[in-house]
């Protein structure tokens, strides 16, 4: 069995290597981020367009990733959604009303409401994708086994191994 964090290559018919999916995840995530930077904001439409462009880039590569591009896209979508949700929660916690002047509070409130509703729509559409399973690729961070609460820490994108404590296969993101 391969160790967590190893390359894990996809195999085509007859076992031929098609390409390293962890590398694909990292490259597609980078392209997604660059495209979102150019868009200037993160809306559902901008995100999906940027993800589509990263998939199109992957399809043009020399390696034949085949159907794995869609799987990696789902992994990226799930991880970005979790990061956006976490950032939103942290922003809500850090905006102490006592520290904000009344006029500024009104402006921030309108901005937050607009951004919040966009992120809420985005979050609701992606909620089903919050479960992480053994064998899938996840970005850097912490996952918690839903069976025994064992934490797995990843410094870079990697395939998710079974839980080392209970051999569980279902995880949740933890920050």
Protein backbone atom coordinates (compact mmCIF):
# COMPACT_ATOMS: atom_id res chain seq x y z
CA UNK A 1 0.00 0.00 0.00
CA UNK A 2 1.31 3.46 -0.88
CA UNK A 3 2.01 6.02 1.80
CA UNK A 4 -0.16 9.15 2.12
CA UNK A 5 1.23 11.97 0.04
CA UNK A 6 2.75 9.77 -2.65
CA UNK A 7 1.98 10.61 -6.27
CA UNK A 8 -0.66 7.95 -7.00
CA UNK A 9 -0.87 7.82 -10.71
CA UNK A 10 -4.00 7.06 -12.68
CA UNK A 11 -3.89 4.01 -14.90
CA UNK A 12 -5.45 3.60 -18.28
CA UNK A 13 -6.46 0.44 -20.13
CA UNK A 14 -3.91 -2.29 -19.60
CA UNK A 15 -2.45 -0.49 -16.57
CA UNK A 16 -0.60 2.21 -18.54
CA UNK A 17 0.14 5.34 -16.51
CA UNK A 18 -1.99 8.31 -17.44
CA UNK A 19 -0.59 10.99 -15.15
CA UNK A 20 -0.12 11.97 -11.52
CA UNK A 21 -3.47 13.11 -10.08
CA UNK A 22 -1.96 14.96 -7.12
CA UNK A 23 0.14 17.01 -9.56
CA UNK A 24 -2.98 17.57 -11.64
CA UNK A 25 -4.84 18.80 -8.52
CA UNK A 26 -2.05 21.25 -7.70
CA UNK A 27 -1.79 22.59 -11.27
CA UNK A 28 -5.55 22.92 -11.72
CA UNK A 29 -5.86 24.68 -8.33
CA UNK A 30 -3.14 27.14 -9.32
CA UNK A 31 -4.87 27.92 -12.62
CA UNK A 32 -8.19 28.30 -10.81
CA UNK A 33 -6.66 30.79 -8.36
CA UNK A 34 -5.03 32.79 -11.15
CA UNK A 35 -8.32 32.96 -13.06
CA UNK A 36 -10.21 34.08 -9.93
CA UNK A 37 -7.58 36.77 -9.33
CA UNK A 38 -8.18 38.06 -12.85
CA UNK A 39 -11.97 37.98 -12.29
CA UNK A 40 -11.50 40.20 -9.22
CA UNK A 41 -14.20 38.50 -7.12
CA UNK A 42 -15.44 35.09 -6.14
CA UNK A 43 -18.99 34.48 -7.27
CA UNK A 44 -20.44 31.13 -8.17
CA UNK A 45 -20.30 32.03 -11.84
CA UNK A 46 -16.70 33.26 -11.68
CA UNK A 47 -15.66 30.16 -9.74
CA UNK A 48 -17.32 27.74 -12.16
CA UNK A 49 -15.84 29.56 -15.17
CA UNK A 50 -12.35 29.48 -13.61
CA UNK A 51 -12.74 25.77 -12.79
CA UNK A 52 -13.93 25.09 -16.36
CA UNK A 53 -10.84 26.85 -17.71
CA UNK A 54 -8.57 24.74 -15.47
CA UNK A 55 -10.31 21.56 -16.74
CA UNK A 56 -9.82 22.70 -20.34
CA UNK A 57 -6.14 23.31 -19.61
CA UNK A 58 -5.83 19.77 -18.16
CA UNK A 59 -7.45 18.27 -21.25
CA UNK A 60 -4.79 19.90 -23.43
CA UNK A 61 -1.89 18.41 -21.46
CA UNK A 62 0.28 15.61 -22.87
CA UNK A 63 -0.78 13.25 -20.06
CA UNK A 64 -4.08 11.50 -20.67
CA UNK A 65 -6.10 12.10 -17.50
CA UNK A 66 -9.39 11.03 -19.09
CA UNK A 67 -12.33 10.97 -16.69
CA UNK A 68 -10.03 11.74 -13.75
CA UNK A 69 -10.18 15.45 -14.64
CA UNK A 70 -13.83 15.54 -13.51
CA UNK A 71 -12.96 13.78 -10.24
CA UNK A 72 -10.09 16.16 -9.52
CA UNK A 73 -12.40 19.11 -10.36
CA UNK A 74 -14.85 17.85 -7.74
CA UNK A 75 -12.06 17.54 -5.16
CA UNK A 76 -10.91 21.10 -5.91
CA UNK A 77 -14.46 22.46 -5.76
CA UNK A 78 -14.98 20.80 -2.36
CA UNK A 79 -11.71 22.13 -0.93
CA UNK A 80 -12.23 25.68 -2.21
CA UNK A 81 -15.77 25.66 -0.81
CA UNK A 82 -14.46 24.64 2.62
CA UNK A 83 -11.81 27.36 2.53
CA UNK A 84 -14.38 30.01 1.54
CA UNK A 85 -16.74 28.84 4.30
CA UNK A 86 -13.93 29.01 6.85
CA UNK A 87 -12.83 32.49 5.75
CA UNK A 88 -16.41 33.71 5.92
CA UNK A 89 -16.83 32.39 9.47
CA UNK A 90 -13.56 33.98 10.56
CA UNK A 91 -14.54 37.32 9.01
CA UNK A 92 -17.89 37.26 10.80
CA UNK A 93 -16.17 36.56 14.14
CA UNK A 94 -13.58 39.30 13.69
CA UNK A 95 -16.06 42.07 12.83
CA UNK A 96 -16.80 43.30 16.34
CA UNK A 97 -19.61 45.87 16.15
CA UNK A 98 -18.15 47.88 19.04
CA UNK A 99 -15.02 48.58 17.00
CA UNK A 100 -16.77 49.91 13.92
CA UNK A 101 -18.17 53.41 13.57
CA UNK A 102 -21.86 53.66 12.74
CA UNK A 103 -21.49 55.07 9.19
CA UNK A 104 -18.89 52.48 8.25
CA UNK A 105 -21.04 49.76 9.78
CA UNK A 106 -23.87 50.50 7.34
CA UNK A 107 -21.56 50.31 4.33
CA UNK A 108 -19.92 47.11 5.57
CA UNK A 109 -23.32 45.65 6.31
CA UNK A 110 -24.50 46.15 2.73
CA UNK A 111 -21.24 44.74 1.34
CA UNK A 112 -21.33 41.75 3.69
CA UNK A 113 -24.97 41.08 2.88
CA UNK A 114 -24.25 41.03 -0.83
CA UNK A 115 -21.12 38.90 -0.50
CA UNK A 116 -22.76 36.72 2.13
CA UNK A 117 -25.76 35.93 -0.05
CA UNK A 118 -23.47 35.01 -2.96
CA UNK A 119 -21.37 32.79 -0.71
CA UNK A 120 -24.50 31.27 0.87
CA UNK A 121 -25.85 30.31 -2.56
CA UNK A 122 -22.44 28.89 -3.40
CA UNK A 123 -22.24 27.03 -0.07
CA UNK A 124 -25.69 25.48 -0.39
CA UNK A 125 -24.94 24.14 -3.85
CA UNK A 126 -21.70 22.56 -2.68
CA UNK A 127 -22.82 21.28 0.73
CA UNK A 128 -23.14 17.68 -0.47
CA UNK A 129 -19.47 17.67 -1.42
CA UNK A 130 -18.16 18.21 2.12
CA UNK A 131 -17.54 14.55 2.81
CA UNK A 132 -13.99 13.39 2.18
CA UNK A 133 -13.44 9.70 1.42
CA UNK A 134 -10.43 7.42 1.37
CA UNK A 135 -8.90 7.38 -2.10
CA UNK A 136 -9.98 10.90 -2.99
CA UNK A 137 -7.50 13.75 -3.29
CA UNK A 138 -7.64 16.52 -0.69
CA UNK A 139 -5.72 19.76 -0.42
CA UNK A 140 -3.39 20.62 2.44
CA UNK A 141 -4.97 20.84 5.88
CA UNK A 142 -6.64 18.69 8.50
CA UNK A 143 -9.26 15.98 8.12
CA UNK A 144 -11.08 14.32 11.00
CA UNK A 145 -12.26 10.71 10.87
CA UNK A 146 -16.04 10.71 11.29
CA UNK A 147 -15.83 7.35 13.05
CA UNK A 148 -13.17 7.89 15.75
CA UNK A 149 -12.28 11.63 15.47
CA UNK A 150 -8.63 10.87 14.62
CA UNK A 151 -7.02 13.86 12.89
CA UNK A 152 -5.04 13.49 9.66
CA UNK A 153 -2.72 16.36 8.70
CA UNK A 154 -1.59 17.02 5.13
CA UNK A 155 1.02 19.60 4.15
CA UNK A 156 0.23 19.32 0.45
CA UNK A 157 -2.48 17.78 -1.73
CA UNK A 158 -2.55 14.02 -1.34
CA UNK A 159 -4.76 10.96 -1.68
CA UNK A 160 -6.69 10.34 1.52
CA UNK A 161 -5.63 7.11 3.25
CA UNK A 162 -7.87 5.07 5.56
CA UNK A 163 -7.85 6.26 9.16
CA UNK A 164 -4.68 4.97 10.83
CA UNK A 165 -6.58 4.42 14.09
CA UNK A 166 -9.84 2.70 13.07
CA UNK A 167 -9.43 2.19 9.28
CA UNK A 168 -12.44 4.48 8.74
CA UNK A 169 -12.95 5.89 5.26
CA UNK A 170 -15.13 8.99 5.79
CA UNK A 171 -13.64 12.33 6.92
CA UNK A 172 -14.61 15.97 7.51
CA UNK A 173 -12.44 19.07 7.06
CA UNK A 174 -11.21 20.71 10.28
CA UNK A 175 -9.46 24.05 10.66
